[in-house]
Each structure stands twice: as structure tokens, then as C-alpha cells.
């Protein structure tokens, strides 16, 4: 990982895909497949046709995780399923808001 950040000549496409594969594999083992793929796909889906997608995508992901963890603590339930549900609901809210406003 340190080589990736400090040696620019190693930042080619295959290096990115190898690092991405390692990150996804280890995070699926830690938090589960539904949480990982919801966090990869749903924020990107929420900002699919807007001009500045990065800030809105990060905001969507942040709100989803914070809401999921908050409701998991509040209702004393497992965090994983509630994080996925909050990703889905936040994505739906963002898509509706973007279509209405924009």
C-alpha cells in the first residue's frame, strides 16, 4: 500500500485492480457482502446524472452509515442490515430530491 502512494510509476491499471481486489476481499470478510456492495453501488447510483457527483456521493454514503449505526444502537439490532437499509432509503431520497430540484 505504501508503494502505491509513494511510487507513481506503480500506479497503473493493474495495480489499482489488485489493490481494489484486496480491499474488497478483506472488507467482505470483516463486515459482510451486503454492506460492502451497498456502499460501493448505492452512492454511485444516487448521483448517476449530476454535474458534481463526488461531494454528493460522499454525503450520501456518510449519511447512510451514520443513520444505520444510529438506528442499530437505538433499536439494539445488528448494524449490518440497518446500514444496508439506510443506504437504500438514502439513495431513494437523494434520487427523488435530485430529480425534483435538478
C-alpha atoms as a PDB file:
ATOM      1  CA  UNK A   1       0.000   0.000   0.000  1.00  0.00           C
ATOM      2  CA  UNK A   2       2.839   2.390   0.758  1.00  0.00           C
ATOM      3  CA  UNK A   3       4.368   1.693  -2.660  1.00  0.00           C
ATOM      4  CA  UNK A   4       1.053   2.659  -4.252  1.00  0.00           C
ATOM      5  CA  UNK A   5       1.053   6.101  -2.623  1.00  0.00           C
ATOM      6  CA  UNK A   6       4.736   6.988  -2.888  1.00  0.00           C
ATOM      7  CA  UNK A   7       5.840   5.436  -6.211  1.00  0.00           C
ATOM      8  CA  UNK A   8       3.876   6.945  -9.089  1.00  0.00           C
ATOM      9  CA  UNK A   9       5.301   4.537 -11.663  1.00  0.00           C
ATOM     10  CA  UNK A  10       3.402   1.692  -9.950  1.00  0.00           C
ATOM     11  CA  UNK A  11       0.038   3.449 -10.306  1.00  0.00           C
ATOM     12  CA  UNK A  12      -1.137   1.684 -13.421  1.00  0.00           C
ATOM     13  CA  UNK A  13      -4.449  -0.047 -14.071  1.00  0.00           C
ATOM     14  CA  UNK A  14      -3.351  -3.472 -12.869  1.00  0.00           C
ATOM     15  CA  UNK A  15      -2.083  -2.016  -9.586  1.00  0.00           C
ATOM     16  CA  UNK A  16      -5.427  -0.368  -8.935  1.00  0.00           C
ATOM     17  CA  UNK A  17      -7.333  -3.561  -9.638  1.00  0.00           C
ATOM     18  CA  UNK A  18      -5.064  -5.643  -7.414  1.00  0.00           C
ATOM     19  CA  UNK A  19      -5.407  -3.156  -4.559  1.00  0.00           C
ATOM     20  CA  UNK A  20      -9.174  -2.967  -5.090  1.00  0.00           C
ATOM     21  CA  UNK A  21      -9.450  -6.773  -5.058  1.00  0.00           C
ATOM     22  CA  UNK A  22      -7.527  -6.996  -1.795  1.00  0.00           C
ATOM     23  CA  UNK A  23      -9.586  -4.235  -0.197  1.00  0.00           C
ATOM     24  CA  UNK A  24     -12.924  -5.743  -1.242  1.00  0.00           C
ATOM     25  CA  UNK A  25     -11.903  -9.240  -0.167  1.00  0.00           C
ATOM     26  CA  UNK A  26     -10.779  -8.160   3.280  1.00  0.00           C
ATOM     27  CA  UNK A  27     -13.738  -5.846   3.856  1.00  0.00           C
ATOM     28  CA  UNK A  28     -16.248  -8.532   2.817  1.00  0.00           C
ATOM     29  CA  UNK A  29     -14.702 -10.803   5.429  1.00  0.00           C
ATOM     30  CA  UNK A  30     -14.967  -8.064   8.080  1.00  0.00           C
ATOM     31  CA  UNK A  31     -18.416  -6.531   7.525  1.00  0.00           C
ATOM     32  CA  UNK A  32     -20.242  -8.751   5.049  1.00  0.00           C
ATOM     33  CA  UNK A  33     -21.031  -8.792   1.371  1.00  0.00           C
ATOM     34  CA  UNK A  34     -24.265  -6.787   1.531  1.00  0.00           C
ATOM     35  CA  UNK A  35     -22.724  -3.846   3.375  1.00  0.00           C
ATOM     36  CA  UNK A  36     -19.669  -3.739   1.086  1.00  0.00           C
ATOM     37  CA  UNK A  37     -21.591  -3.820  -2.158  1.00  0.00           C
ATOM     38  CA  UNK A  38     -24.284  -1.451  -0.895  1.00  0.00           C
ATOM     39  CA  UNK A  39     -21.527   1.014  -0.011  1.00  0.00           C
ATOM     40  CA  UNK A  40     -19.940   0.621  -3.441  1.00  0.00           C
ATOM     41  CA  UNK A  41     -23.027   0.763  -5.643  1.00  0.00           C
ATOM     42  CA  UNK A  42     -25.783   2.778  -3.978  1.00  0.00           C
ATOM     43  CA  UNK A  43     -23.983   6.141  -3.509  1.00  0.00           C
ATOM     44  CA  UNK A  44     -22.849   5.950  -7.139  1.00  0.00           C
ATOM     45  CA  UNK A  45     -26.398   5.158  -8.198  1.00  0.00           C
ATOM     46  CA  UNK A  46     -27.697   8.155  -6.240  1.00  0.00           C
ATOM     47  CA  UNK A  47     -25.517  10.599  -8.199  1.00  0.00           C
ATOM     48  CA  UNK A  48     -25.567   8.990 -11.617  1.00  0.00           C
ATOM     49  CA  UNK A  49     -26.558  12.009 -13.744  1.00  0.00           C
ATOM     50  CA  UNK A  50     -25.372  15.113 -11.924  1.00  0.00           C
ATOM     51  CA  UNK A  51     -22.519  17.501 -12.650  1.00  0.00           C
ATOM     52  CA  UNK A  52     -20.528  17.213  -9.371  1.00  0.00           C
ATOM     53  CA  UNK A  53     -21.107  13.646  -8.194  1.00  0.00           C
ATOM     54  CA  UNK A  54     -18.229  13.210  -5.741  1.00  0.00           C
ATOM     55  CA  UNK A  55     -19.392  15.528  -2.968  1.00  0.00           C
ATOM     56  CA  UNK A  56     -22.994  14.316  -3.156  1.00  0.00           C
ATOM     57  CA  UNK A  57     -21.871  10.670  -3.294  1.00  0.00           C
ATOM     58  CA  UNK A  58     -19.691  11.086  -0.206  1.00  0.00           C
ATOM     59  CA  UNK A  59     -22.549  12.847   1.567  1.00  0.00           C
ATOM     60  CA  UNK A  60     -24.940  10.029   0.658  1.00  0.00           C
ATOM     61  CA  UNK A  61     -22.511   7.409   1.989  1.00  0.00           C
ATOM     62  CA  UNK A  62     -21.792   9.342   5.175  1.00  0.00           C
ATOM     63  CA  UNK A  63     -25.466   9.917   5.956  1.00  0.00           C
ATOM     64  CA  UNK A  64     -26.260   6.261   5.246  1.00  0.00           C
ATOM     65  CA  UNK A  65     -23.605   4.866   7.566  1.00  0.00           C
ATOM     66  CA  UNK A  66     -24.329   7.347  10.366  1.00  0.00           C
ATOM     67  CA  UNK A  67     -28.083   6.692  10.167  1.00  0.00           C
ATOM     68  CA  UNK A  68     -27.571   2.916  10.038  1.00  0.00           C
ATOM     69  CA  UNK A  69     -25.279   2.872  13.063  1.00  0.00           C
ATOM     70  CA  UNK A  70     -27.512   5.286  14.977  1.00  0.00           C
ATOM     71  CA  UNK A  71     -30.639   3.182  14.419  1.00  0.00           C
ATOM     72  CA  UNK A  72     -28.726  -0.023  15.189  1.00  0.00           C
ATOM     73  CA  UNK A  73     -27.707   1.395  18.560  1.00  0.00           C
ATOM     74  CA  UNK A  74     -31.132   2.931  19.182  1.00  0.00           C
ATOM     75  CA  UNK A  75     -33.081  -0.260  18.398  1.00  0.00           C
ATOM     76  CA  UNK A  76     -30.346  -2.623  19.695  1.00  0.00           C
ATOM     77  CA  UNK A  77     -30.191  -4.604  16.436  1.00  0.00           C
ATOM     78  CA  UNK A  78     -27.287  -5.750  14.238  1.00  0.00           C
ATOM     79  CA  UNK A  79     -25.695  -2.837  12.381  1.00  0.00           C
ATOM     80  CA  UNK A  80     -25.129  -4.533   9.004  1.00  0.00           C
ATOM     81  CA  UNK A  81     -28.747  -4.914   7.894  1.00  0.00           C
ATOM     82  CA  UNK A  82     -29.685  -1.454   9.136  1.00  0.00           C
ATOM     83  CA  UNK A  83     -26.761   0.106   7.286  1.00  0.00           C
ATOM     84  CA  UNK A  84     -27.905  -1.566   4.058  1.00  0.00           C
ATOM     85  CA  UNK A  85     -31.493  -0.405   4.621  1.00  0.00           C
ATOM     86  CA  UNK A  86     -30.285   3.129   5.317  1.00  0.00           C
ATOM     87  CA  UNK A  87     -28.211   3.035   2.106  1.00  0.00           C
ATOM     88  CA  UNK A  88     -31.310   2.064   0.129  1.00  0.00           C
ATOM     89  CA  UNK A  89     -33.527   4.703   1.737  1.00  0.00           C
ATOM     90  CA  UNK A  90     -30.901   7.438   1.449  1.00  0.00           C
ATOM     91  CA  UNK A  91     -30.325   6.589  -2.215  1.00  0.00           C
ATOM     92  CA  UNK A  92     -34.050   6.750  -2.933  1.00  0.00           C
ATOM     93  CA  UNK A  93     -34.319  10.111  -1.136  1.00  0.00           C
ATOM     94  CA  UNK A  94     -31.297  11.504  -3.000  1.00  0.00           C
ATOM     95  CA  UNK A  95     -32.566  10.332  -6.403  1.00  0.00           C
ATOM     96  CA  UNK A  96     -36.026  11.823  -5.805  1.00  0.00           C
ATOM     97  CA  UNK A  97     -34.545  15.082  -4.495  1.00  0.00           C
ATOM     98  CA  UNK A  98     -32.108  15.414  -7.393  1.00  0.00           C
ATOM     99  CA  UNK A  99     -34.856  14.762  -9.960  1.00  0.00           C
ATOM    100  CA  UNK A 100     -37.198  17.233  -8.245  1.00  0.00           C
ATOM    101  CA  UNK A 101     -34.658  20.030  -7.732  1.00  0.00           C
ATOM    102  CA  UNK A 102     -32.454  19.498 -10.769  1.00  0.00           C
END
